[in-house]
Amino acid sequence: MATKKKEARLNIRIDPELKSAAQIVANDMGIDLTTAVTMFMTKMVKDHALPFTPTSLPVETLQALKEAKHPELLKKYSTPDDMWRDLNV
């Protein structure tokens, strides 16, 4: 006897540009947005937590922290003047 999969509909209001950007990312991963949301919720239920750590840090700070984990990829300068020139300061 086959069991019938129950389906529930989730209706949310979200910025159209955010939805579109998320669909592009999901498609790049080979999944649709429904699958991505299901994966998010499955992980949240499994861990009893959000699958990411919320932060109030600015995006620039988060990017700098991410880059700092790979110092070999950071741009290096011979002198401080070279750095300032590159930064147009």
C-alpha atoms as a PDB file:
ATOM      1  CA  MET A   1       0.000   0.000   0.000  1.00  0.00           C
ATOM      2  CA  ALA A   2       1.575   3.265  -1.104  1.00  0.00           C
ATOM      3  CA  THR A   3       1.516   6.132   1.330  1.00  0.00           C
ATOM      4  CA  LYS A   4       0.394   9.467   0.022  1.00  0.00           C
ATOM      5  CA  LYS A   5       2.797  12.324   0.678  1.00  0.00           C
ATOM      6  CA  LYS A   6       1.114  15.199   2.448  1.00  0.00           C
ATOM      7  CA  GLU A   7       1.825  18.629   1.100  1.00  0.00           C
ATOM      8  CA  ALA A   8       1.406  21.938   2.875  1.00  0.00           C
ATOM      9  CA  ARG A   9       1.599  25.271   1.158  1.00  0.00           C
ATOM     10  CA  LEU A  10       3.766  28.006   2.668  1.00  0.00           C
ATOM     11  CA  ASN A  11       2.825  31.543   1.669  1.00  0.00           C
ATOM     12  CA  ILE A  12       5.250  34.310   2.574  1.00  0.00           C
ATOM     13  CA  ARG A  13       5.697  37.897   1.494  1.00  0.00           C
ATOM     14  CA  ILE A  14       9.213  38.653   0.341  1.00  0.00           C
ATOM     15  CA  ASP A  15      10.947  41.334  -1.672  1.00  0.00           C
ATOM     16  CA  PRO A  16      10.653  40.381  -5.362  1.00  0.00           C
ATOM     17  CA  GLU A  17      14.318  41.192  -6.030  1.00  0.00           C
ATOM     18  CA  LEU A  18      15.423  38.964  -3.134  1.00  0.00           C
ATOM     19  CA  LYS A  19      13.254  36.127  -4.428  1.00  0.00           C
ATOM     20  CA  SER A  20      14.662  36.493  -7.922  1.00  0.00           C
ATOM     21  CA  ALA A  21      18.259  36.559  -6.651  1.00  0.00           C
ATOM     22  CA  ALA A  22      17.595  33.502  -4.483  1.00  0.00           C
ATOM     23  CA  GLN A  23      16.091  31.640  -7.444  1.00  0.00           C
ATOM     24  CA  ILE A  24      19.226  32.342  -9.473  1.00  0.00           C
ATOM     25  CA  VAL A  25      21.468  31.013  -6.687  1.00  0.00           C
ATOM     26  CA  ALA A  26      19.300  27.921  -6.201  1.00  0.00           C
ATOM     27  CA  ASN A  27      19.245  27.266  -9.948  1.00  0.00           C
ATOM     28  CA  ASP A  28      23.043  27.589 -10.046  1.00  0.00           C
ATOM     29  CA  MET A  29      23.115  24.810  -7.430  1.00  0.00           C
ATOM     30  CA  GLY A  30      20.784  22.667  -9.535  1.00  0.00           C
ATOM     31  CA  ILE A  31      17.772  22.998  -7.235  1.00  0.00           C
ATOM     32  CA  ASP A  32      14.585  25.009  -7.223  1.00  0.00           C
ATOM     33  CA  LEU A  33      13.595  27.527  -4.570  1.00  0.00           C
ATOM     34  CA  THR A  34      11.100  25.118  -2.989  1.00  0.00           C
ATOM     35  CA  THR A  35      13.875  22.563  -2.462  1.00  0.00           C
ATOM     36  CA  ALA A  36      16.165  25.243  -1.013  1.00  0.00           C
ATOM     37  CA  VAL A  37      13.508  26.363   1.485  1.00  0.00           C
ATOM     38  CA  THR A  38      12.763  22.733   2.379  1.00  0.00           C
ATOM     39  CA  MET A  39      16.475  22.107   2.990  1.00  0.00           C
ATOM     40  CA  PHE A  40      16.650  25.211   5.192  1.00  0.00           C
ATOM     41  CA  MET A  41      13.655  24.128   7.264  1.00  0.00           C
ATOM     42  CA  THR A  42      14.846  20.508   7.526  1.00  0.00           C
ATOM     43  CA  LYS A  43      18.214  21.653   8.898  1.00  0.00           C
ATOM     44  CA  MET A  44      16.511  24.082  11.279  1.00  0.00           C
ATOM     45  CA  VAL A  45      14.263  21.333  12.672  1.00  0.00           C
ATOM     46  CA  LYS A  46      17.117  18.819  12.916  1.00  0.00           C
ATOM     47  CA  ASP A  47      19.402  21.214  14.824  1.00  0.00           C
ATOM     48  CA  HIS A  48      16.698  23.150  16.669  1.00  0.00           C
ATOM     49  CA  ALA A  49      18.497  26.277  15.473  1.00  0.00           C
ATOM     50  CA  LEU A  50      18.939  28.432  12.427  1.00  0.00           C
ATOM     51  CA  PRO A  51      21.405  26.928   9.927  1.00  0.00           C
ATOM     52  CA  PHE A  52      23.514  30.075  10.130  1.00  0.00           C
ATOM     53  CA  THR A  53      24.642  32.449  12.838  1.00  0.00           C
ATOM     54  CA  PRO A  54      22.761  35.741  12.748  1.00  0.00           C
ATOM     55  CA  THR A  55      25.017  38.740  13.125  1.00  0.00           C
ATOM     56  CA  SER A  56      24.700  42.476  13.249  1.00  0.00           C
ATOM     57  CA  LEU A  57      28.142  43.038  11.750  1.00  0.00           C
ATOM     58  CA  PRO A  58      28.295  45.109   8.570  1.00  0.00           C
ATOM     59  CA  VAL A  59      28.722  43.185   5.312  1.00  0.00           C
ATOM     60  CA  GLU A  60      32.164  44.747   4.816  1.00  0.00           C
ATOM     61  CA  THR A  61      33.330  43.451   8.211  1.00  0.00           C
ATOM     62  CA  LEU A  62      32.020  39.965   7.481  1.00  0.00           C
ATOM     63  CA  GLN A  63      33.839  39.993   4.127  1.00  0.00           C
ATOM     64  CA  ALA A  64      37.067  41.114   5.828  1.00  0.00           C
ATOM     65  CA  LEU A  65      36.765  38.313   8.397  1.00  0.00           C
ATOM     66  CA  LYS A  66      36.207  35.812   5.593  1.00  0.00           C
ATOM     67  CA  GLU A  67      39.250  37.086   3.704  1.00  0.00           C
ATOM     68  CA  ALA A  68      41.383  36.966   6.857  1.00  0.00           C
ATOM     69  CA  LYS A  69      40.890  33.192   6.986  1.00  0.00           C
ATOM     70  CA  HIS A  70      42.938  32.981   3.770  1.00  0.00           C
ATOM     71  CA  PRO A  71      45.858  35.403   4.216  1.00  0.00           C
ATOM     72  CA  GLU A  72      47.694  33.856   1.273  1.00  0.00           C
ATOM     73  CA  LEU A  73      45.041  35.378  -1.014  1.00  0.00           C
ATOM     74  CA  LEU A  74      45.359  38.901   0.383  1.00  0.00           C
ATOM     75  CA  LYS A  75      47.041  41.617  -1.657  1.00  0.00           C
ATOM     76  CA  LYS A  76      50.479  42.565  -0.362  1.00  0.00           C
ATOM     77  CA  TYR A  77      52.285  45.902  -0.687  1.00  0.00           C
ATOM     78  CA  SER A  78      55.973  46.792  -0.572  1.00  0.00           C
ATOM     79  CA  THR A  79      55.382  50.135   1.107  1.00  0.00           C
ATOM     80  CA  PRO A  80      52.523  51.943   2.828  1.00  0.00           C
ATOM     81  CA  ASP A  81      52.542  54.475  -0.019  1.00  0.00           C
ATOM     82  CA  ASP A  82      51.856  51.648  -2.498  1.00  0.00           C
ATOM     83  CA  MET A  83      48.865  50.586  -0.420  1.00  0.00           C
ATOM     84  CA  TRP A  84      47.478  54.132  -0.157  1.00  0.00           C
ATOM     85  CA  ARG A  85      47.947  54.653  -3.882  1.00  0.00           C
ATOM     86  CA  ASP A  86      46.081  51.414  -4.634  1.00  0.00           C
ATOM     87  CA  LEU A  87      43.258  52.522  -2.330  1.00  0.00           C
ATOM     88  CA  ASN A  88      43.106  55.929  -4.022  1.00  0.00           C
ATOM     89  CA  VAL A  89      43.507  57.650  -0.663  1.00  0.00           C
END
